[in-house]
C-alpha atoms as a PDB file:
ATOM      1  CA  MET A   1     -19.926  22.845  -0.438  1.00  0.00           C
ATOM      2  CA  ARG A   2     -19.644  19.042  -0.597  1.00  0.00           C
ATOM      3  CA  THR A   3     -20.934  17.032   2.353  1.00  0.00           C
ATOM      4  CA  TRP A   4     -17.539  15.470   3.049  1.00  0.00           C
ATOM      5  CA  ALA A   5     -15.922  18.915   2.948  1.00  0.00           C
ATOM      6  CA  LYS A   6     -18.260  20.141   5.699  1.00  0.00           C
ATOM      7  CA  GLU A   7     -17.459  17.047   7.772  1.00  0.00           C
ATOM      8  CA  LEU A   8     -13.738  17.557   7.231  1.00  0.00           C
ATOM      9  CA  GLU A   9     -13.912  21.233   8.164  1.00  0.00           C
ATOM     10  CA  SER A  10     -15.254  20.360  11.595  1.00  0.00           C
ATOM     11  CA  HIS A  11     -12.110  18.277  12.219  1.00  0.00           C
ATOM     12  CA  THR A  12      -9.518  20.526  10.604  1.00  0.00           C
ATOM     13  CA  HIS A  13     -10.549  23.901  12.021  1.00  0.00           C
ATOM     14  CA  ASP A  14      -9.058  23.373  15.482  1.00  0.00           C
ATOM     15  CA  TYR A  15      -6.336  21.006  14.233  1.00  0.00           C
ATOM     16  CA  VAL A  16      -4.714  23.656  12.011  1.00  0.00           C
ATOM     17  CA  ARG A  17      -4.892  26.314  14.738  1.00  0.00           C
ATOM     18  CA  ARG A  18      -2.712  24.331  17.159  1.00  0.00           C
ATOM     19  CA  GLY A  19       0.772  22.819  16.956  1.00  0.00           C
ATOM     20  CA  GLY A  20       3.119  23.153  13.983  1.00  0.00           C
ATOM     21  CA  LYS A  21       0.916  25.129  11.668  1.00  0.00           C
ATOM     22  CA  GLN A  22       2.824  24.621   8.413  1.00  0.00           C
ATOM     23  CA  ASN A  23       3.038  20.865   8.913  1.00  0.00           C
ATOM     24  CA  ARG A  24      -0.620  20.613   9.862  1.00  0.00           C
ATOM     25  CA  GLN A  25      -1.689  22.725   6.880  1.00  0.00           C
ATOM     26  CA  LYS A  26       0.364  20.446   4.626  1.00  0.00           C
ATOM     27  CA  GLN A  27      -1.278  17.355   6.155  1.00  0.00           C
ATOM     28  CA  VAL A  28      -4.729  18.827   5.670  1.00  0.00           C
ATOM     29  CA  SER A  29      -3.950  19.664   2.029  1.00  0.00           C
ATOM     30  CA  LEU A  30      -2.781  16.069   1.429  1.00  0.00           C
ATOM     31  CA  ILE A  31      -5.964  14.767   3.057  1.00  0.00           C
ATOM     32  CA  ILE A  32      -8.024  17.023   0.792  1.00  0.00           C
ATOM     33  CA  ASN A  33      -6.085  15.789  -2.273  1.00  0.00           C
ATOM     34  CA  PHE A  34      -6.872  12.205  -1.249  1.00  0.00           C
ATOM     35  CA  LEU A  35     -10.550  12.969  -0.684  1.00  0.00           C
ATOM     36  CA  GLU A  36     -10.866  14.837  -3.993  1.00  0.00           C
ATOM     37  CA  PHE A  37      -9.314  11.852  -5.779  1.00  0.00           C
ATOM     38  CA  ILE A  38     -11.799   9.478  -4.128  1.00  0.00           C
ATOM     39  CA  ASP A  39     -14.677  11.864  -4.844  1.00  0.00           C
ATOM     40  CA  THR A  40     -13.668  12.046  -8.508  1.00  0.00           C
ATOM     41  CA  GLN A  41     -13.358   8.263  -8.802  1.00  0.00           C
ATOM     42  CA  GLU A  42     -16.382   7.137  -6.817  1.00  0.00           C
ATOM     43  CA  GLY A  43     -18.437  10.128  -5.677  1.00  0.00           C
ATOM     44  CA  LEU A  44     -17.709  10.355  -1.968  1.00  0.00           C
ATOM     45  CA  THR A  45     -20.775  11.325   0.064  1.00  0.00           C
ATOM     46  CA  SER A  46     -19.569  10.945   3.656  1.00  0.00           C
ATOM     47  CA  LEU A  47     -16.223  10.544   5.395  1.00  0.00           C
ATOM     48  CA  GLN A  48     -17.644   7.647   7.416  1.00  0.00           C
ATOM     49  CA  ARG A  49     -17.912   5.640   4.191  1.00  0.00           C
ATOM     50  CA  LEU A  50     -14.156   5.714   3.658  1.00  0.00           C
ATOM     51  CA  GLY A  51     -12.385   2.399   3.965  1.00  0.00           C
ATOM     52  CA  LYS A  52      -9.274   0.426   3.122  1.00  0.00           C
ATOM     53  CA  ARG A  53     -10.448  -0.156  -0.451  1.00  0.00           C
ATOM     54  CA  HIS A  54     -10.391   3.600  -1.118  1.00  0.00           C
ATOM     55  CA  VAL A  55      -6.856   3.901   0.216  1.00  0.00           C
ATOM     56  CA  ILE A  56      -5.635   0.889  -1.784  1.00  0.00           C
ATOM     57  CA  ASN A  57      -7.143   2.342  -4.968  1.00  0.00           C
ATOM     58  CA  PHE A  58      -5.422   5.650  -4.200  1.00  0.00           C
ATOM     59  CA  TRP A  59      -2.026   3.914  -3.786  1.00  0.00           C
ATOM     60  CA  LYS A  60      -2.511   1.973  -7.027  1.00  0.00           C
ATOM     61  CA  ALA A  61      -3.258   5.183  -8.924  1.00  0.00           C
ATOM     62  CA  HIS A  62      -0.308   7.000  -7.320  1.00  0.00           C
ATOM     63  CA  ARG A  63       2.475   4.437  -7.715  1.00  0.00           C
ATOM     64  CA  HIS A  64       4.695   7.153  -9.127  1.00  0.00           C
ATOM     65  CA  LEU A  65       4.914   8.998  -5.788  1.00  0.00           C
ATOM     66  CA  PRO A  66       8.358   9.075  -4.184  1.00  0.00           C
ATOM     67  CA  GLU A  67       8.554   7.132  -0.928  1.00  0.00           C
ATOM     68  CA  LYS A  68       8.727  10.337   1.164  1.00  0.00           C
ATOM     69  CA  SER A  69       5.603  11.800  -0.457  1.00  0.00           C
ATOM     70  CA  ALA A  70       3.716   8.528  -0.099  1.00  0.00           C
ATOM     71  CA  TYR A  71       4.714   8.405   3.560  1.00  0.00           C
ATOM     72  CA  ASP A  72       3.494  12.000   4.052  1.00  0.00           C
ATOM     73  CA  TYR A  73       0.145  11.026   2.515  1.00  0.00           C
ATOM     74  CA  TRP A  74       0.001   7.984   4.785  1.00  0.00           C
ATOM     75  CA  LEU A  75       0.583  10.153   7.882  1.00  0.00           C
ATOM     76  CA  GLY A  76      -2.250  12.428   6.753  1.00  0.00           C
ATOM     77  CA  LEU A  77      -4.490   9.400   6.243  1.00  0.00           C
ATOM     78  CA  CYS A  78      -3.599   8.182   9.740  1.00  0.00           C
ATOM     79  CA  GLN A  79      -4.779  11.546  11.092  1.00  0.00           C
ATOM     80  CA  LEU A  80      -7.997  11.296   9.071  1.00  0.00           C
ATOM     81  CA  TRP A  81      -8.560   7.759  10.373  1.00  0.00           C
ATOM     82  CA  SER A  82      -8.122   8.982  13.969  1.00  0.00           C
ATOM     83  CA  TRP A  83     -10.665  11.786  13.392  1.00  0.00           C
ATOM     84  CA  LEU A  84     -13.098   9.208  12.046  1.00  0.00           C
ATOM     85  CA  GLY A  85     -12.558   6.938  15.053  1.00  0.00           C
ATOM     86  CA  LYS A  86     -11.348   3.980  13.001  1.00  0.00           C
ATOM     87  CA  SER A  87      -9.602   1.358  15.105  1.00  0.00           C
ATOM     88  CA  GLU A  88      -6.949   0.305  12.562  1.00  0.00           C
ATOM     89  CA  LYS A  89      -4.416   2.336  10.623  1.00  0.00           C
ATOM     90  CA  PRO A  90      -5.033   2.828   6.886  1.00  0.00           C
ATOM     91  CA  PRO A  91      -3.118   0.567   4.475  1.00  0.00           C
ATOM     92  CA  ARG A  92       0.484   1.627   3.947  1.00  0.00           C
ATOM     93  CA  PRO A  93       1.765   2.914   0.598  1.00  0.00           C
ATOM     94  CA  HIS A  94       2.580   0.374  -2.098  1.00  0.00           C
ATOM     95  CA  ASN A  95       6.285   1.128  -2.004  1.00  0.00           C
ATOM     96  CA  HIS A  96       6.634   0.898   1.763  1.00  0.00           C
ATOM     97  CA  LEU A  97       8.305  -2.497   1.618  1.00  0.00           C
ATOM     98  CA  ASN A  98       9.872  -2.475   5.053  1.00  0.00           C
ATOM     99  CA  ALA A  99       6.663  -3.955   6.409  1.00  0.00           C
ATOM    100  CA  ILE A 100       8.278  -7.280   5.547  1.00  0.00           C
ATOM    101  CA  ALA A 101      11.413  -8.001   7.488  1.00  0.00           C
ATOM    102  CA  CYS A 102      13.708  -9.409   4.844  1.00  0.00           C
ATOM    103  CA  SER A 103      16.549 -11.072   6.656  1.00  0.00           C
ATOM    104  CA  GLU A 104      19.783 -11.746   4.861  1.00  0.00           C
ATOM    105  CA  GLN A 105      20.089 -15.448   4.240  1.00  0.00           C
ATOM    106  CA  LYS A 106      23.357 -17.320   4.464  1.00  0.00           C
ATOM    107  CA  ASN A 107      24.336 -19.414   1.482  1.00  0.00           C
ATOM    108  CA  GLU A 108      23.549 -22.676   3.292  1.00  0.00           C
ATOM    109  CA  ASP A 109      19.988 -21.410   3.939  1.00  0.00           C
ATOM    110  CA  LEU A 110      19.291 -20.734   0.259  1.00  0.00           C
ATOM    111  CA  LYS A 111      16.648 -22.844  -1.416  1.00  0.00           C
ATOM    112  CA  ILE A 112      16.568 -23.413  -5.145  1.00  0.00           C
ATOM    113  CA  PHE A 113      13.261 -23.655  -6.962  1.00  0.00           C
ATOM    114  CA  ASP A 114      12.515 -24.785 -10.483  1.00  0.00           C
ATOM    115  CA  SER A 115       9.972 -22.032 -11.099  1.00  0.00           C
ATOM    116  CA  LEU A 116       9.157 -18.520 -10.004  1.00  0.00           C
ATOM    117  CA  SER A 117       5.711 -19.727  -8.959  1.00  0.00           C
ATOM    118  CA  GLN A 118       7.147 -22.138  -6.420  1.00  0.00           C
ATOM    119  CA  ALA A 119       9.647 -19.582  -5.098  1.00  0.00           C
ATOM    120  CA  ILE A 120       7.057 -16.832  -4.628  1.00  0.00           C
ATOM    121  CA  LYS A 121       4.528 -19.110  -2.936  1.00  0.00           C
ATOM    122  CA  ALA A 122       7.142 -20.662  -0.619  1.00  0.00           C
ATOM    123  CA  ALA A 123       8.603 -17.274   0.377  1.00  0.00           C
ATOM    124  CA  ARG A 124       5.167 -15.793   1.058  1.00  0.00           C
ATOM    125  CA  LYS A 125       4.142 -18.744   3.215  1.00  0.00           C
ATOM    126  CA  ALA A 126       7.502 -18.833   5.037  1.00  0.00           C
ATOM    127  CA  ARG A 127       6.997 -15.190   6.034  1.00  0.00           C
ATOM    128  CA  GLY A 128       3.347 -15.763   6.955  1.00  0.00           C
ATOM    129  CA  ILE A 129       2.054 -13.087   4.585  1.00  0.00           C
ATOM    130  CA  PRO A 130      -1.528 -13.440   3.334  1.00  0.00           C
ATOM    131  CA  ILE A 131      -2.055 -12.862  -0.385  1.00  0.00           C
ATOM    132  CA  GLN A 132      -4.143  -9.730   0.298  1.00  0.00           C
ATOM    133  CA  LYS A 133      -1.347  -8.137   2.344  1.00  0.00           C
ATOM    134  CA  LEU A 134       1.220  -8.948  -0.357  1.00  0.00           C
ATOM    135  CA  ALA A 135      -1.120  -7.420  -2.941  1.00  0.00           C
ATOM    136  CA  ASN A 136      -1.397  -4.230  -0.861  1.00  0.00           C
ATOM    137  CA  MET A 137       2.364  -4.004  -0.448  1.00  0.00           C
ATOM    138  CA  THR A 138       3.267  -4.555  -4.088  1.00  0.00           C
ATOM    139  CA  GLY A 139       0.314  -3.009  -5.903  1.00  0.00           C
ATOM    140  CA  CYS A 140      -0.434  -6.320  -7.666  1.00  0.00           C
ATOM    141  CA  GLU A 141      -3.976  -7.600  -7.893  1.00  0.00           C
ATOM    142  CA  VAL A 142      -4.845 -10.601  -5.704  1.00  0.00           C
ATOM    143  CA  SER A 143      -5.933 -12.538  -8.810  1.00  0.00           C
ATOM    144  CA  VAL A 144      -2.531 -11.893 -10.420  1.00  0.00           C
ATOM    145  CA  ILE A 145      -0.685 -13.237  -7.367  1.00  0.00           C
ATOM    146  CA  ASP A 146      -2.992 -16.276  -7.298  1.00  0.00           C
ATOM    147  CA  ALA A 147      -2.297 -16.900 -10.985  1.00  0.00           C
ATOM    148  CA  ILE A 148       1.464 -16.511 -10.502  1.00  0.00           C
ATOM    149  CA  GLU A 149       1.498 -18.907  -7.563  1.00  0.00           C
ATOM    150  CA  SER A 150      -0.525 -21.486  -9.468  1.00  0.00           C
ATOM    151  CA  GLY A 151       1.847 -21.275 -12.444  1.00  0.00           C
ATOM    152  CA  HIS A 152      -0.789 -20.024 -14.876  1.00  0.00           C
ATOM    153  CA  PHE A 153       0.210 -16.487 -15.567  1.00  0.00           C
ATOM    154  CA  SER A 154       1.037 -14.121 -18.352  1.00  0.00           C
ATOM    155  CA  VAL A 155       1.995 -10.923 -16.570  1.00  0.00           C
ATOM    156  CA  SER A 156       4.720  -8.389 -17.052  1.00  0.00           C
ATOM    157  CA  PHE A 157       8.098  -9.097 -15.538  1.00  0.00           C
ATOM    158  CA  LEU A 158       7.746  -5.852 -13.570  1.00  0.00           C
ATOM    159  CA  GLU A 159       4.836  -7.330 -11.574  1.00  0.00           C
ATOM    160  CA  VAL A 160       6.846 -10.485 -10.865  1.00  0.00           C
ATOM    161  CA  GLN A 161       9.884  -8.394  -9.952  1.00  0.00           C
ATOM    162  CA  ASN A 162       7.823  -6.364  -7.438  1.00  0.00           C
ATOM    163  CA  LEU A 163       6.824  -9.616  -5.748  1.00  0.00           C
ATOM    164  CA  LEU A 164      10.405 -10.900  -5.724  1.00  0.00           C
ATOM    165  CA  VAL A 165      11.699  -7.694  -4.149  1.00  0.00           C
ATOM    166  CA  ALA A 166       8.906  -7.562  -1.555  1.00  0.00           C
ATOM    167  CA  LEU A 167       9.585 -11.172  -0.542  1.00  0.00           C
ATOM    168  CA  GLY A 168      13.380 -10.780  -0.538  1.00  0.00           C
ATOM    169  CA  ILE A 169      13.869 -13.400  -3.235  1.00  0.00           C
ATOM    170  CA  ARG A 170      17.136 -13.403  -5.122  1.00  0.00           C
ATOM    171  CA  TYR A 171      16.925 -14.955  -8.526  1.00  0.00           C
ATOM    172  CA  GLY A 172      19.301 -16.145 -11.172  1.00  0.00           C
ATOM    173  CA  VAL A 173      19.391 -18.303 -14.259  1.00  0.00           C
ATOM    174  CA  SER A 174      21.306 -21.545 -14.185  1.00  0.00           C
ATOM    175  CA  GLN A 175      22.901 -22.913 -17.312  1.00  0.00           C
ATOM    176  CA  HIS A 176      22.436 -26.677 -17.407  1.00  0.00           C
END
């Protein structure tokens, strides 16, 4: 039996015996799926070595998950984090965009930018979102966001679109 599996068993044994058994068994199975993924990718030796980077890599590899499934995984990861005594919650799923409060802007509040780079950088700064947090939320690499904001980028439109949606930016093409 793997070392992390023995560690996990000490936490899950009593957890599954109490409360809503089906839900708890489902959470434990999602936690095991996560740990097996991490073990396959990096060779997990101890649960105490788990960190945000592992969770972010998991979300990047599982972008296809529906929002409900990703949220279920996140709840399982929150339980794992509490067992491990970690003070913060694990990073949220990539598609959990409601972490940014996108308020509806009135037409007189709209700002027009000449480039996507300027619009993305201004919107991120106006909302006070660090680049790392935006990267976690959208699944984009930090270096890609840096390149986009500096105007030196050659990325797919899908990556740019993810940033626009996350920041609540509406875009259009003007015909001069």
